[in-house]
Amino acid sequence: MSLEELKEARYVEIDQQTQFLINQGFVFDGHTFSMSLTAQINWSNFPNLPDQLFPLNIVDKFEDIYVLALADKMNFYLSALNYKNAQLQSGGQLKAQIKACTTEAEVQAIIDNR
């Protein structure tokens, strides 16, 4: 395997781990909420939800109902957004380190311990 092929393989590993971490869900107020693609679409609409819908019952990842108060609407949304962004950023940093490598040994030395 060439250096470039090794780098590509590592990029795929990192992307898979990033997606795995995103899919674990984010924590808000002691509850873990889904970050499935459907959930991400739902959470992305939160800033536009009318205030009259609150308090809003949301089912967490363990099928428990969480009552989200209007005062927490944006904090909830930003928690989801920040969680996903943190996973993407950490994966991007690892991929940048791999891109800078000039030998196979350097590529292999980079550990994704997220």
Protein backbone atom coordinates (compact mmCIF):
# COMPACT_ATOMS: atom_id res chain seq x y z
CA MET A 1 0.00 0.00 0.00
CA SER A 2 1.39 3.38 -0.95
CA LEU A 3 1.63 6.29 1.47
CA GLU A 4 -1.34 7.98 -0.21
CA GLU A 5 -3.43 4.79 -0.05
CA LEU A 6 -2.58 4.42 3.63
CA LYS A 7 -3.62 8.01 4.26
CA GLU A 8 -6.92 7.45 2.44
CA ALA A 9 -7.59 4.33 4.51
CA ARG A 10 -6.93 6.25 7.72
CA TYR A 11 -9.24 9.08 6.58
CA VAL A 12 -12.01 6.51 6.15
CA GLU A 13 -11.34 5.11 9.64
CA ILE A 14 -11.49 8.59 11.15
CA ASP A 15 -14.70 9.44 9.29
CA GLN A 16 -16.29 6.21 10.52
CA GLN A 17 -15.28 6.95 14.11
CA THR A 18 -16.57 10.51 13.79
CA GLN A 19 -19.93 9.21 12.59
CA PHE A 20 -19.99 6.62 15.38
CA LEU A 21 -19.39 9.34 17.98
CA ILE A 22 -22.06 11.60 16.50
CA ASN A 23 -24.52 8.71 16.54
CA GLN A 24 -23.93 8.20 20.27
CA GLY A 25 -26.04 11.29 20.84
CA PHE A 26 -25.59 14.44 22.87
CA VAL A 27 -26.34 15.08 26.51
CA PHE A 28 -28.59 17.88 27.67
CA ASP A 29 -29.75 18.27 31.25
CA GLY A 30 -28.69 14.73 32.11
CA HIS A 31 -30.53 13.13 29.19
CA THR A 32 -28.97 11.66 26.05
CA PHE A 33 -30.69 12.62 22.82
CA SER A 34 -30.41 10.96 19.44
CA MET A 35 -28.23 12.33 16.69
CA SER A 36 -29.57 10.06 13.95
CA LEU A 37 -29.96 11.84 10.62
CA THR A 38 -33.68 12.26 11.28
CA ALA A 39 -33.01 13.67 14.74
CA GLN A 40 -30.41 16.07 13.35
CA ILE A 41 -32.98 17.41 10.90
CA ASN A 42 -35.48 17.80 13.73
CA TRP A 43 -32.99 19.56 16.01
CA SER A 44 -31.92 21.90 13.19
CA ASN A 45 -35.49 23.22 13.05
CA PHE A 46 -35.59 24.16 16.73
CA PRO A 47 -34.72 27.84 16.31
CA ASN A 48 -37.79 28.24 14.09
CA LEU A 49 -40.28 26.46 16.35
CA PRO A 50 -43.04 28.77 17.58
CA ASP A 51 -42.85 29.62 21.25
CA GLN A 52 -46.44 28.40 21.64
CA LEU A 53 -45.26 24.78 21.25
CA PHE A 54 -43.41 24.95 24.55
CA PRO A 55 -43.11 23.28 26.92
CA LEU A 56 -42.35 20.53 24.42
CA ASN A 57 -42.22 16.83 25.17
CA ILE A 58 -39.15 15.20 23.61
CA VAL A 59 -38.28 11.53 23.78
CA ASP A 60 -34.65 10.88 24.70
CA LYS A 61 -32.50 8.04 23.44
CA PHE A 62 -33.78 5.75 26.18
CA GLU A 63 -37.46 6.42 25.38
CA ASP A 64 -37.93 8.65 28.41
CA ILE A 65 -39.95 11.83 27.98
CA TYR A 66 -38.12 15.06 28.62
CA VAL A 67 -40.11 18.26 28.95
CA LEU A 68 -38.18 21.06 27.28
CA ALA A 69 -39.04 24.51 28.56
CA LEU A 70 -39.13 27.49 26.22
CA ALA A 71 -36.26 29.05 28.18
CA ASP A 72 -34.09 26.05 27.23
CA LYS A 73 -34.98 25.91 23.53
CA MET A 74 -31.80 27.56 22.23
CA ASN A 75 -29.53 25.90 24.80
CA PHE A 76 -30.88 22.52 23.68
CA TYR A 77 -30.32 23.39 20.02
CA LEU A 78 -26.81 24.71 20.66
CA SER A 79 -25.94 21.61 22.70
CA ALA A 80 -26.79 19.40 19.72
CA LEU A 81 -24.95 21.67 17.30
CA ASN A 82 -21.86 21.98 19.49
CA TYR A 83 -21.69 18.24 20.09
CA LYS A 84 -21.74 17.44 16.38
CA ASN A 85 -19.28 20.21 15.60
CA ALA A 86 -16.86 18.99 18.27
CA GLN A 87 -16.81 15.51 16.70
CA LEU A 88 -16.31 16.92 13.20
CA GLN A 89 -13.54 19.26 14.36
CA SER A 90 -11.65 16.54 16.22
CA GLY A 91 -11.87 14.27 13.18
CA GLY A 92 -10.69 17.09 10.94
CA GLN A 93 -7.69 17.72 13.19
CA LEU A 94 -6.66 14.06 13.01
CA LYS A 95 -7.04 14.05 9.23
CA ALA A 96 -4.90 17.20 8.98
CA GLN A 97 -2.19 15.50 11.03
CA ILE A 98 -2.28 12.51 8.71
CA LYS A 99 -2.17 14.72 5.63
CA ALA A 100 1.04 16.32 6.93
CA CYS A 101 2.76 12.94 7.36
CA THR A 102 5.62 12.08 5.02
CA THR A 103 6.13 8.43 6.00
CA GLU A 104 3.97 5.39 6.67
CA ALA A 105 5.36 5.19 10.21
CA GLU A 106 4.18 8.73 10.92
CA VAL A 107 0.70 7.90 9.62
CA GLN A 108 0.54 4.75 11.75
CA ALA A 109 1.69 6.66 14.83
CA ILE A 110 -1.40 8.86 14.82
CA ILE A 111 -3.96 7.33 17.16
CA ASP A 112 -7.66 8.19 17.12
CA ASN A 113 -8.39 7.90 20.82
CA ARG A 114 -11.56 9.95 20.84
